[in-house]
Each structure stands twice: as C-alpha cells, then as structure tokens.
C-alpha atoms as a PDB file:
ATOM      1  CA  MET A   1    -212.464 166.036  85.513  1.00  0.00           C
ATOM      2  CA  ASN A   2    -213.162 162.284  85.461  1.00  0.00           C
ATOM      3  CA  GLU A   3    -211.210 159.655  83.506  1.00  0.00           C
ATOM      4  CA  THR A   4    -213.714 159.547  80.619  1.00  0.00           C
ATOM      5  CA  GLN A   5    -213.581 163.321  80.123  1.00  0.00           C
ATOM      6  CA  ARG A   6    -209.775 163.248  80.271  1.00  0.00           C
ATOM      7  CA  GLY A   7    -209.792 160.486  77.697  1.00  0.00           C
ATOM      8  CA  PHE A   8    -211.973 162.526  75.323  1.00  0.00           C
ATOM      9  CA  ILE A   9    -209.661 165.549  75.595  1.00  0.00           C
ATOM     10  CA  GLN A  10    -206.648 163.376  74.742  1.00  0.00           C
ATOM     11  CA  LEU A  11    -208.607 161.721  71.945  1.00  0.00           C
ATOM     12  CA  HIS A  12    -209.650 164.963  70.254  1.00  0.00           C
ATOM     13  CA  LEU A  13    -206.140 166.408  70.494  1.00  0.00           C
ATOM     14  CA  SER A  14    -204.822 163.293  68.756  1.00  0.00           C
ATOM     15  CA  VAL A  15    -207.524 163.612  66.070  1.00  0.00           C
ATOM     16  CA  LEU A  16    -206.483 167.232  65.483  1.00  0.00           C
ATOM     17  CA  LEU A  17    -202.871 166.138  64.913  1.00  0.00           C
ATOM     18  CA  ALA A  18    -204.090 163.272  62.729  1.00  0.00           C
ATOM     19  CA  GLY A  19    -205.815 165.831  60.514  1.00  0.00           C
ATOM     20  CA  PHE A  20    -202.405 166.875  59.193  1.00  0.00           C
ATOM     21  CA  THR A  21    -201.384 163.319  58.217  1.00  0.00           C
ATOM     22  CA  GLY A  22    -203.122 163.365  54.834  1.00  0.00           C
ATOM     23  CA  LEU A  23    -201.572 166.743  54.028  1.00  0.00           C
ATOM     24  CA  PHE A  24    -198.088 165.398  54.685  1.00  0.00           C
ATOM     25  CA  GLY A  25    -198.946 162.437  52.433  1.00  0.00           C
ATOM     26  CA  ARG A  26    -199.629 164.894  49.613  1.00  0.00           C
ATOM     27  CA  LEU A  27    -196.776 167.335  50.327  1.00  0.00           C
ATOM     28  CA  ILE A  28    -194.098 164.622  50.597  1.00  0.00           C
ATOM     29  CA  THR A  29    -193.212 163.602  47.048  1.00  0.00           C
ATOM     30  CA  LEU A  30    -191.911 160.131  47.964  1.00  0.00           C
ATOM     31  CA  ASN A  31    -193.985 157.020  47.206  1.00  0.00           C
ATOM     32  CA  GLU A  32    -196.153 155.409  49.902  1.00  0.00           C
ATOM     33  CA  VAL A  33    -193.648 152.730  50.972  1.00  0.00           C
ATOM     34  CA  ASP A  34    -190.843 155.281  51.389  1.00  0.00           C
ATOM     35  CA  ILE A  35    -193.083 157.518  53.493  1.00  0.00           C
ATOM     36  CA  VAL A  36    -194.089 154.661  55.817  1.00  0.00           C
ATOM     37  CA  TRP A  37    -190.598 153.194  56.204  1.00  0.00           C
ATOM     38  CA  TYR A  38    -188.988 156.540  57.052  1.00  0.00           C
ATOM     39  CA  ARG A  39    -191.911 157.590  59.235  1.00  0.00           C
ATOM     40  CA  MET A  40    -191.358 154.494  61.374  1.00  0.00           C
ATOM     41  CA  LEU A  41    -187.576 154.893  61.336  1.00  0.00           C
ATOM     42  CA  PHE A  42    -187.610 158.558  62.400  1.00  0.00           C
ATOM     43  CA  THR A  43    -190.278 157.885  65.036  1.00  0.00           C
ATOM     44  CA  SER A  44    -188.188 155.034  66.478  1.00  0.00           C
ATOM     45  CA  ALA A  45    -185.116 157.290  66.620  1.00  0.00           C
ATOM     46  CA  ILE A  46    -187.021 160.122  68.355  1.00  0.00           C
ATOM     47  CA  LEU A  47    -188.510 157.753  70.937  1.00  0.00           C
ATOM     48  CA  LEU A  48    -185.185 155.995  71.514  1.00  0.00           C
ATOM     49  CA  VAL A  49    -183.694 159.326  72.624  1.00  0.00           C
ATOM     50  CA  PHE A  50    -186.470 159.923  75.162  1.00  0.00           C
ATOM     51  CA  THR A  51    -187.267 156.395  76.364  1.00  0.00           C
ATOM     52  CA  GLY A  52    -184.187 154.252  75.790  1.00  0.00           C
ATOM     53  CA  LEU A  53    -184.985 150.527  75.624  1.00  0.00           C
ATOM     54  CA  PRO A  54    -187.338 149.687  78.515  1.00  0.00           C
ATOM     55  CA  ARG A  55    -187.562 145.986  79.326  1.00  0.00           C
ATOM     56  CA  VAL A  56    -190.741 144.110  78.441  1.00  0.00           C
ATOM     57  CA  GLY A  57    -191.466 140.387  78.242  1.00  0.00           C
ATOM     58  CA  TRP A  58    -190.895 138.568  74.951  1.00  0.00           C
ATOM     59  CA  ARG A  59    -194.586 137.817  74.523  1.00  0.00           C
ATOM     60  CA  LYS A  60    -195.508 141.462  75.036  1.00  0.00           C
ATOM     61  CA  PHE A  61    -192.692 142.552  72.708  1.00  0.00           C
ATOM     62  CA  LEU A  62    -193.942 140.279  69.916  1.00  0.00           C
ATOM     63  CA  GLN A  63    -197.508 141.497  70.413  1.00  0.00           C
ATOM     64  CA  LEU A  64    -196.373 145.119  70.095  1.00  0.00           C
ATOM     65  CA  CYS A  65    -194.308 144.297  66.994  1.00  0.00           C
ATOM     66  CA  GLY A  66    -197.365 142.661  65.433  1.00  0.00           C
ATOM     67  CA  CYS A  67    -199.400 145.795  66.134  1.00  0.00           C
ATOM     68  CA  GLY A  68    -196.638 147.837  64.517  1.00  0.00           C
ATOM     69  CA  ALA A  69    -196.834 145.683  61.378  1.00  0.00           C
ATOM     70  CA  LEU A  70    -200.609 146.258  61.164  1.00  0.00           C
ATOM     71  CA  LEU A  71    -200.064 149.991  61.619  1.00  0.00           C
ATOM     72  CA  GLY A  72    -197.399 150.064  58.906  1.00  0.00           C
ATOM     73  CA  LEU A  73    -199.635 148.177  56.458  1.00  0.00           C
ATOM     74  CA  HIS A  74    -202.487 150.583  57.222  1.00  0.00           C
ATOM     75  CA  TRP A  75    -200.205 153.557  56.505  1.00  0.00           C
ATOM     76  CA  ILE A  76    -199.006 152.094  53.189  1.00  0.00           C
ATOM     77  CA  LEU A  77    -202.579 151.598  52.006  1.00  0.00           C
ATOM     78  CA  PHE A  78    -203.651 155.002  53.356  1.00  0.00           C
ATOM     79  CA  TYR A  79    -200.955 156.920  51.465  1.00  0.00           C
ATOM     80  CA  SER A  80    -201.569 154.795  48.380  1.00  0.00           C
ATOM     81  CA  SER A  81    -205.249 155.796  48.514  1.00  0.00           C
ATOM     82  CA  ILE A  82    -204.323 159.489  48.710  1.00  0.00           C
ATOM     83  CA  LYS A  83    -201.916 159.244  45.784  1.00  0.00           C
ATOM     84  CA  ALA A  84    -204.491 157.293  43.720  1.00  0.00           C
ATOM     85  CA  SER A  85    -207.231 159.893  44.348  1.00  0.00           C
ATOM     86  CA  ASN A  86    -206.718 162.986  46.520  1.00  0.00           C
ATOM     87  CA  VAL A  87    -206.369 163.979  50.182  1.00  0.00           C
ATOM     88  CA  SER A  88    -210.108 164.394  50.783  1.00  0.00           C
ATOM     89  CA  ILE A  89    -211.012 160.964  49.386  1.00  0.00           C
ATOM     90  CA  GLY A  90    -208.142 159.228  51.180  1.00  0.00           C
ATOM     91  CA  VAL A  91    -209.107 160.533  54.610  1.00  0.00           C
ATOM     92  CA  ILE A  92    -212.864 160.099  54.164  1.00  0.00           C
ATOM     93  CA  CYS A  93    -212.419 156.350  53.638  1.00  0.00           C
ATOM     94  CA  PHE A  94    -210.793 156.321  57.075  1.00  0.00           C
ATOM     95  CA  SER A  95    -214.287 156.965  58.460  1.00  0.00           C
ATOM     96  CA  LEU A  96    -215.134 153.299  57.906  1.00  0.00           C
ATOM     97  CA  VAL A  97    -212.803 152.317  60.757  1.00  0.00           C
ATOM     98  CA  GLY A  98    -215.720 152.610  63.203  1.00  0.00           C
ATOM     99  CA  PHE A  99    -217.822 150.238  61.115  1.00  0.00           C
ATOM    100  CA  PHE A 100    -215.094 147.605  60.919  1.00  0.00           C
ATOM    101  CA  THR A 101    -214.396 147.991  64.651  1.00  0.00           C
ATOM    102  CA  ALA A 102    -218.060 147.357  65.456  1.00  0.00           C
ATOM    103  CA  LEU A 103    -217.694 144.064  63.562  1.00  0.00           C
ATOM    104  CA  PHE A 104    -214.193 142.979  64.640  1.00  0.00           C
ATOM    105  CA  GLU A 105    -214.127 144.009  68.333  1.00  0.00           C
ATOM    106  CA  PRO A 106    -216.905 141.599  69.453  1.00  0.00           C
ATOM    107  CA  MET A 107    -215.138 138.743  67.635  1.00  0.00           C
ATOM    108  CA  ILE A 108    -211.769 139.418  69.294  1.00  0.00           C
ATOM    109  CA  TYR A 109    -213.158 140.120  72.794  1.00  0.00           C
ATOM    110  CA  HIS A 110    -215.812 137.375  72.520  1.00  0.00           C
ATOM    111  CA  ARG A 111    -218.819 139.559  73.247  1.00  0.00           C
ATOM    112  CA  LYS A 112    -222.136 140.132  71.517  1.00  0.00           C
ATOM    113  CA  LEU A 113    -222.474 142.592  68.675  1.00  0.00           C
ATOM    114  CA  SER A 114    -223.748 145.951  69.894  1.00  0.00           C
ATOM    115  CA  VAL A 115    -226.802 146.939  67.862  1.00  0.00           C
ATOM    116  CA  THR A 116    -226.259 150.609  68.823  1.00  0.00           C
ATOM    117  CA  GLU A 117    -222.632 150.601  67.658  1.00  0.00           C
ATOM    118  CA  LEU A 118    -223.643 148.896  64.430  1.00  0.00           C
ATOM    119  CA  VAL A 119    -226.381 151.484  63.766  1.00  0.00           C
ATOM    120  CA  PHE A 120    -223.980 154.383  64.394  1.00  0.00           C
ATOM    121  CA  SER A 121    -221.447 152.745  62.083  1.00  0.00           C
ATOM    122  CA  LEU A 122    -224.037 152.217  59.344  1.00  0.00           C
ATOM    123  CA  ILE A 123    -224.761 155.957  59.420  1.00  0.00           C
ATOM    124  CA  THR A 124    -221.068 156.419  58.609  1.00  0.00           C
ATOM    125  CA  VAL A 125    -221.304 153.814  55.837  1.00  0.00           C
ATOM    126  CA  LEU A 126    -224.217 155.746  54.308  1.00  0.00           C
ATOM    127  CA  GLY A 127    -222.050 158.852  54.413  1.00  0.00           C
ATOM    128  CA  VAL A 128    -219.212 157.101  52.602  1.00  0.00           C
ATOM    129  CA  LEU A 129    -221.658 155.720  50.012  1.00  0.00           C
ATOM    130  CA  CYS A 130    -222.797 159.294  49.284  1.00  0.00           C
ATOM    131  CA  ILE A 131    -219.170 160.272  48.771  1.00  0.00           C
ATOM    132  CA  PHE A 132    -218.636 157.145  46.630  1.00  0.00           C
ATOM    133  CA  SER A 133    -220.804 158.744  43.935  1.00  0.00           C
ATOM    134  CA  LEU A 134    -217.795 160.870  42.943  1.00  0.00           C
ATOM    135  CA  ASP A 135    -216.122 160.561  39.549  1.00  0.00           C
ATOM    136  CA  ALA A 136    -215.190 156.940  38.680  1.00  0.00           C
ATOM    137  CA  ARG A 137    -211.494 157.881  38.501  1.00  0.00           C
ATOM    138  CA  TYR A 138    -211.478 158.036  42.312  1.00  0.00           C
ATOM    139  CA  ARG A 139    -212.940 154.576  42.876  1.00  0.00           C
ATOM    140  CA  TYR A 140    -209.597 152.760  42.826  1.00  0.00           C
ATOM    141  CA  GLY A 141    -208.337 155.094  45.555  1.00  0.00           C
ATOM    142  CA  ILE A 142    -211.576 154.559  47.512  1.00  0.00           C
ATOM    143  CA  GLY A 143    -211.192 150.776  47.284  1.00  0.00           C
ATOM    144  CA  ILE A 144    -207.669 150.934  48.704  1.00  0.00           C
ATOM    145  CA  GLY A 145    -208.901 153.332  51.405  1.00  0.00           C
ATOM    146  CA  VAL A 146    -211.622 150.897  52.502  1.00  0.00           C
ATOM    147  CA  VAL A 147    -209.067 148.081  52.956  1.00  0.00           C
ATOM    148  CA  SER A 148    -206.831 150.530  54.830  1.00  0.00           C
ATOM    149  CA  SER A 149    -209.631 151.330  57.289  1.00  0.00           C
ATOM    150  CA  ALA A 150    -210.245 147.617  57.961  1.00  0.00           C
ATOM    151  CA  VAL A 151    -206.538 147.089  58.762  1.00  0.00           C
ATOM    152  CA  CYS A 152    -206.573 150.177  61.013  1.00  0.00           C
ATOM    153  CA  ALA A 153    -209.584 148.807  62.941  1.00  0.00           C
ATOM    154  CA  LEU A 154    -207.655 145.587  63.613  1.00  0.00           C
ATOM    155  CA  TYR A 155    -204.640 147.618  64.745  1.00  0.00           C
ATOM    156  CA  ALA A 156    -206.642 149.668  67.268  1.00  0.00           C
ATOM    157  CA  ILE A 157    -208.345 146.602  68.750  1.00  0.00           C
ATOM    158  CA  CYS A 158    -205.121 144.598  69.020  1.00  0.00           C
ATOM    159  CA  ASN A 159    -203.249 147.636  70.341  1.00  0.00           C
ATOM    160  CA  LYS A 160    -205.773 148.120  73.156  1.00  0.00           C
ATOM    161  CA  LYS A 161    -205.137 144.531  74.249  1.00  0.00           C
ATOM    162  CA  ALA A 162    -201.338 144.559  73.763  1.00  0.00           C
ATOM    163  CA  SER A 163    -200.714 147.882  75.532  1.00  0.00           C
ATOM    164  CA  VAL A 164    -202.265 146.861  78.864  1.00  0.00           C
ATOM    165  CA  GLY A 165    -199.765 147.424  81.692  1.00  0.00           C
ATOM    166  CA  VAL A 166    -197.153 149.122  79.466  1.00  0.00           C
ATOM    167  CA  ARG A 167    -196.289 152.842  79.379  1.00  0.00           C
ATOM    168  CA  SER A 168    -197.525 154.680  76.288  1.00  0.00           C
ATOM    169  CA  ARG A 169    -194.034 155.709  75.165  1.00  0.00           C
ATOM    170  CA  THR A 170    -192.796 152.127  75.506  1.00  0.00           C
ATOM    171  CA  VAL A 171    -195.761 150.816  73.504  1.00  0.00           C
ATOM    172  CA  LEU A 172    -195.082 153.202  70.628  1.00  0.00           C
ATOM    173  CA  MET A 173    -191.314 152.633  70.775  1.00  0.00           C
ATOM    174  CA  TYR A 174    -191.587 148.869  70.273  1.00  0.00           C
ATOM    175  CA  GLN A 175    -194.394 149.155  67.745  1.00  0.00           C
ATOM    176  CA  MET A 176    -192.250 151.415  65.587  1.00  0.00           C
ATOM    177  CA  SER A 177    -188.885 149.681  66.026  1.00  0.00           C
ATOM    178  CA  GLY A 178    -190.283 146.140  65.809  1.00  0.00           C
ATOM    179  CA  GLY A 179    -192.854 147.056  63.204  1.00  0.00           C
ATOM    180  CA  ILE A 180    -190.269 148.496  60.828  1.00  0.00           C
ATOM    181  CA  VAL A 181    -188.653 145.038  60.522  1.00  0.00           C
ATOM    182  CA  LEU A 182    -191.960 143.432  59.584  1.00  0.00           C
ATOM    183  CA  VAL A 183    -192.886 146.322  57.283  1.00  0.00           C
ATOM    184  CA  SER A 184    -189.566 145.848  55.469  1.00  0.00           C
ATOM    185  CA  ILE A 185    -190.751 142.307  54.687  1.00  0.00           C
ATOM    186  CA  ILE A 186    -194.228 143.483  53.644  1.00  0.00           C
ATOM    187  CA  ILE A 187    -192.970 146.197  51.251  1.00  0.00           C
ATOM    188  CA  PRO A 188    -191.508 143.911  48.485  1.00  0.00           C
ATOM    189  CA  ILE A 189    -194.696 141.808  48.549  1.00  0.00           C
ATOM    190  CA  TYR A 190    -196.841 144.940  48.356  1.00  0.00           C
ATOM    191  CA  LEU A 191    -194.820 146.380  45.435  1.00  0.00           C
ATOM    192  CA  ALA A 192    -195.095 143.062  43.565  1.00  0.00           C
ATOM    193  CA  PHE A 193    -198.899 143.327  43.572  1.00  0.00           C
ATOM    194  CA  PHE A 194    -199.227 147.149  43.521  1.00  0.00           C
ATOM    195  CA  PRO A 195    -196.256 148.636  41.616  1.00  0.00           C
ATOM    196  CA  SER A 196    -195.697 152.296  42.435  1.00  0.00           C
ATOM    197  CA  SER A 197    -195.510 154.914  39.714  1.00  0.00           C
ATOM    198  CA  GLN A 198    -192.729 156.612  41.710  1.00  0.00           C
ATOM    199  CA  PRO A 199    -189.257 155.113  42.217  1.00  0.00           C
ATOM    200  CA  VAL A 200    -188.177 153.909  45.662  1.00  0.00           C
ATOM    201  CA  VAL A 201    -185.872 156.506  47.253  1.00  0.00           C
ATOM    202  CA  VAL A 202    -182.977 155.247  49.374  1.00  0.00           C
ATOM    203  CA  VAL A 203    -182.471 158.463  51.385  1.00  0.00           C
ATOM    204  CA  PRO A 204    -184.922 161.418  51.412  1.00  0.00           C
ATOM    205  CA  GLU A 205    -183.334 164.814  50.834  1.00  0.00           C
ATOM    206  CA  GLY A 206    -184.147 168.513  51.071  1.00  0.00           C
ATOM    207  CA  THR A 207    -187.780 169.414  51.703  1.00  0.00           C
ATOM    208  CA  ASN A 208    -188.845 165.770  51.873  1.00  0.00           C
ATOM    209  CA  LEU A 209    -186.402 165.140  54.733  1.00  0.00           C
ATOM    210  CA  TRP A 210    -187.714 168.044  56.836  1.00  0.00           C
ATOM    211  CA  LEU A 211    -191.325 167.172  56.120  1.00  0.00           C
ATOM    212  CA  MET A 212    -190.695 163.552  57.151  1.00  0.00           C
ATOM    213  CA  LEU A 213    -189.092 164.648  60.430  1.00  0.00           C
ATOM    214  CA  CYS A 214    -192.036 166.941  61.262  1.00  0.00           C
ATOM    215  CA  HIS A 215    -194.444 164.201  60.252  1.00  0.00           C
ATOM    216  CA  ALA A 216    -192.747 161.738  62.596  1.00  0.00           C
ATOM    217  CA  LEU A 217    -192.540 164.146  65.546  1.00  0.00           C
ATOM    218  CA  PHE A 218    -196.021 165.691  65.515  1.00  0.00           C
ATOM    219  CA  CYS A 219    -198.293 163.333  63.564  1.00  0.00           C
ATOM    220  CA  THR A 220    -196.766 160.123  64.885  1.00  0.00           C
ATOM    221  CA  VAL A 221    -195.103 160.536  68.292  1.00  0.00           C
ATOM    222  CA  GLY A 222    -197.502 163.220  69.551  1.00  0.00           C
ATOM    223  CA  MET A 223    -200.626 161.777  67.954  1.00  0.00           C
ATOM    224  CA  TYR A 224    -200.149 158.131  68.937  1.00  0.00           C
ATOM    225  CA  LEU A 225    -199.069 158.855  72.512  1.00  0.00           C
ATOM    226  CA  LEU A 226    -202.339 160.746  72.968  1.00  0.00           C
ATOM    227  CA  GLN A 227    -204.288 157.990  71.211  1.00  0.00           C
ATOM    228  CA  ILE A 228    -202.790 155.241  73.383  1.00  0.00           C
ATOM    229  CA  GLN A 229    -203.644 157.246  76.518  1.00  0.00           C
ATOM    230  CA  ALA A 230    -207.217 157.674  75.242  1.00  0.00           C
ATOM    231  CA  LEU A 231    -207.525 153.926  74.563  1.00  0.00           C
ATOM    232  CA  LYS A 232    -206.758 153.257  78.226  1.00  0.00           C
ATOM    233  CA  ARG A 233    -209.863 155.278  79.199  1.00  0.00           C
ATOM    234  CA  LEU A 234    -212.258 154.704  76.279  1.00  0.00           C
ATOM    235  CA  SER A 235    -213.408 151.752  74.167  1.00  0.00           C
ATOM    236  CA  ALA A 236    -211.686 151.016  70.860  1.00  0.00           C
ATOM    237  CA  PHE A 237    -215.023 151.619  69.117  1.00  0.00           C
ATOM    238  CA  THR A 238    -215.394 155.111  70.649  1.00  0.00           C
ATOM    239  CA  VAL A 239    -211.817 156.024  69.719  1.00  0.00           C
ATOM    240  CA  ASN A 240    -212.135 154.763  66.145  1.00  0.00           C
ATOM    241  CA  LEU A 241    -215.541 156.342  65.554  1.00  0.00           C
ATOM    242  CA  THR A 242    -214.339 159.700  66.908  1.00  0.00           C
ATOM    243  CA  TYR A 243    -211.457 159.523  64.436  1.00  0.00           C
ATOM    244  CA  ASN A 244    -214.135 159.999  61.792  1.00  0.00           C
ATOM    245  CA  LEU A 245    -213.681 163.689  62.577  1.00  0.00           C
ATOM    246  CA  GLU A 246    -210.167 163.526  61.100  1.00  0.00           C
ATOM    247  CA  PRO A 247    -211.453 163.988  57.525  1.00  0.00           C
ATOM    248  CA  CYS A 248    -213.245 167.173  58.547  1.00  0.00           C
ATOM    249  CA  TYR A 249    -209.995 168.779  59.735  1.00  0.00           C
ATOM    250  CA  THR A 250    -208.020 167.462  56.774  1.00  0.00           C
ATOM    251  CA  ILE A 251    -210.607 168.389  54.144  1.00  0.00           C
ATOM    252  CA  ILE A 252    -210.826 171.991  55.355  1.00  0.00           C
ATOM    253  CA  LEU A 253    -207.031 172.271  55.131  1.00  0.00           C
ATOM    254  CA  ALA A 254    -206.972 170.511  51.732  1.00  0.00           C
ATOM    255  CA  PHE A 255    -209.582 172.940  50.432  1.00  0.00           C
ATOM    256  CA  LEU A 256    -207.459 175.886  51.572  1.00  0.00           C
ATOM    257  CA  ILE A 257    -204.029 174.580  50.524  1.00  0.00           C
ATOM    258  CA  PHE A 258    -204.698 172.386  47.466  1.00  0.00           C
ATOM    259  CA  GLY A 259    -208.005 173.828  46.235  1.00  0.00           C
ATOM    260  CA  GLU A 260    -209.707 170.421  46.327  1.00  0.00           C
ATOM    261  CA  GLY A 261    -213.105 172.050  46.896  1.00  0.00           C
ATOM    262  CA  ARG A 262    -213.373 172.428  43.111  1.00  0.00           C
ATOM    263  CA  GLU A 263    -213.607 168.628  42.799  1.00  0.00           C
ATOM    264  CA  ILE A 264    -216.384 168.144  45.395  1.00  0.00           C
ATOM    265  CA  ASN A 265    -220.116 167.788  44.669  1.00  0.00           C
ATOM    266  CA  PHE A 266    -223.240 168.144  46.855  1.00  0.00           C
ATOM    267  CA  SER A 267    -223.396 164.434  47.797  1.00  0.00           C
ATOM    268  CA  PHE A 268    -219.957 164.823  49.367  1.00  0.00           C
ATOM    269  CA  TYR A 269    -221.326 167.329  51.880  1.00  0.00           C
ATOM    270  CA  ILE A 270    -224.296 165.057  52.678  1.00  0.00           C
ATOM    271  CA  GLY A 271    -221.796 162.275  53.374  1.00  0.00           C
ATOM    272  CA  ILE A 272    -219.745 164.504  55.682  1.00  0.00           C
ATOM    273  CA  ALA A 273    -222.933 165.494  57.580  1.00  0.00           C
ATOM    274  CA  LEU A 274    -223.849 161.827  58.137  1.00  0.00           C
ATOM    275  CA  ILE A 275    -220.350 161.019  59.387  1.00  0.00           C
ATOM    276  CA  LEU A 276    -220.469 163.937  61.834  1.00  0.00           C
ATOM    277  CA  LEU A 277    -223.869 162.748  63.067  1.00  0.00           C
ATOM    278  CA  SER A 278    -222.507 159.284  63.878  1.00  0.00           C
ATOM    279  CA  VAL A 279    -219.616 160.788  65.878  1.00  0.00           C
ATOM    280  CA  LEU A 280    -221.896 163.119  67.865  1.00  0.00           C
ATOM    281  CA  LEU A 281    -224.309 160.289  68.705  1.00  0.00           C
ATOM    282  CA  GLN A 282    -221.513 158.021  69.965  1.00  0.00           C
ATOM    283  CA  THR A 283    -219.879 160.844  71.953  1.00  0.00           C
ATOM    284  CA  ARG A 284    -223.205 161.605  73.654  1.00  0.00           C
ATOM    285  CA  ARG A 285    -223.677 157.900  74.399  1.00  0.00           C
ATOM    286  CA  ALA A 286    -220.174 157.485  75.857  1.00  0.00           C
ATOM    287  CA  LEU A 287    -220.425 160.602  78.054  1.00  0.00           C
ATOM    288  CA  GLY A 288    -223.968 159.864  79.217  1.00  0.00           C
ATOM    289  CA  PRO A 289    -224.918 158.187  82.521  1.00  0.00           C
ATOM    290  CA  LYS A 290    -223.989 154.521  82.801  1.00  0.00           C
ATOM    291  CA  LYS A 291    -226.924 152.109  83.206  1.00  0.00           C
END
C-alpha cells in the first residue's frame, strides 16, 4: 500500500465519521454557539489527557490557533444552517467546499488555477443549484451553509500549511484549546448579527451532555486526526472534494431517523448524482498515474 492509497483510506474513514456530525447537530437541542463551544472544550479536555502540552514554537502555536478559530466559525455557521433548514440541506451545502478550495488554494500557494479542479468543482455547483430549487423556506439555511463551506475551505488550506512538521494530535490539541479562546470572542459578535431563537446554556445537562461527549470523541477527535493524516498525503482540494460524500452518509441516516425523505424532490437526487460524479472523477484523477 503506497502513501496515496493510505491517505485515501484515512480520508474515507474520516468522511464516514463526519457523516454523523449533522445528526448530532439535530439531536443536540442546544443552540449552535453552545454546541461549538462545548465541542471544542470537550475535545481539548480529551486530547489533553492523551497528549499533554507538547512544546511548539510561538509562531506555529498562533497559526494553529488561527486555524482553530476558522474551524469554530465554520461549525457555528454549519449548525446554524441545519437549524434554519434541516440536516440534509445543511450537509449538502458543505459540498461547495471543493469549489471554494479550487479558488482559494491557488491564491494562498501562489500557483495557477487548475482548469480540471475548477471543472470538477463546477459539477458540484450544478448539483447544489439543483438542490437549491427546494422550497423557499430553506434558502436562508442554504445561504448560511454556503458561507460555512467557504470558511471551511480556508480552514483546510491553512491547516495543511500550519500542520507541517507537527504531530496530528498536537495540531488538533492546539487548534481546539487555542481556537476556543478566539471562538469565545467571535460568539458575542455572531449573536449580535444573528440572534439565536434558543437561549444560551451555561452547562449542558442530561442527554445533551452525553451527546456532546460522544460528538467530541468520535466526530471531532477521531475524525480530525484521520483528516490531518490524510492532508499530509493528499492535496487540500482532493480532501475537500472527497468530503462531498459526507452528505450522502448523513442524508441516508437523516432519512431513516428523521424521515426527511418526505421533504425531498426529484431535483435533489439529480444534485446528489452530480456531486457523486465530481468526487469519483477527482478520486480517479488522484489515484491515476502521475505525468
């Protein structure tokens, strides 16, 4: 097994775990800022037990904290999208991450735009546009989801650069612990512009507490450690485009658990098919012989 194949195995395992993220966003009855803050707090605590506080340079530490802030902002917008629409719509907007990566990555790494990557991403955009034809009541949630995917694309690109030479567990530890400080600053600003219909909860209790702990352990620690490993072996574009498969896992589960299939029309399935096509084309390209 070569490094690229190993990277794809790690990537698809992380996507499978990511498929449960939207479900937790629906099952946990806290508002989006509570979910993000406690997700980062519990993840930091879990990692602290296993990794301690490894030493890194100040510059690297600040870079990782900045990545954590981007990740936290992405999560806030992602959960807000789900609560403003439904699980299926929230996760399908995540498919635009590949498109934004194809635009942002060349700017950050100072290379030419890849026509192939842009074409594959536009196939995804067409898929999302098909899904956009849903009832107008979902369009606010879709708008938030689109912004969320742009922030996530920036996170993945910056994370690939910031994590060079640092162990995966250390990367995630400082992103969560440093990011939670910056997210705490972002939250009041966010709530001033986007007031939540749910009150802010100081301490989660009962079912919410157990769901948050499981969410942190499996869909954060497990998922992001695998994702960071995959980013060391694959391009940020390949990783982000492959994450377009996340909605497929989540939507199947949402259909079974929440009965969301009743709200879906034929154009939704056309959109899903186009998104799957873009992922398969990029996977074939990445695994093919190098020229």
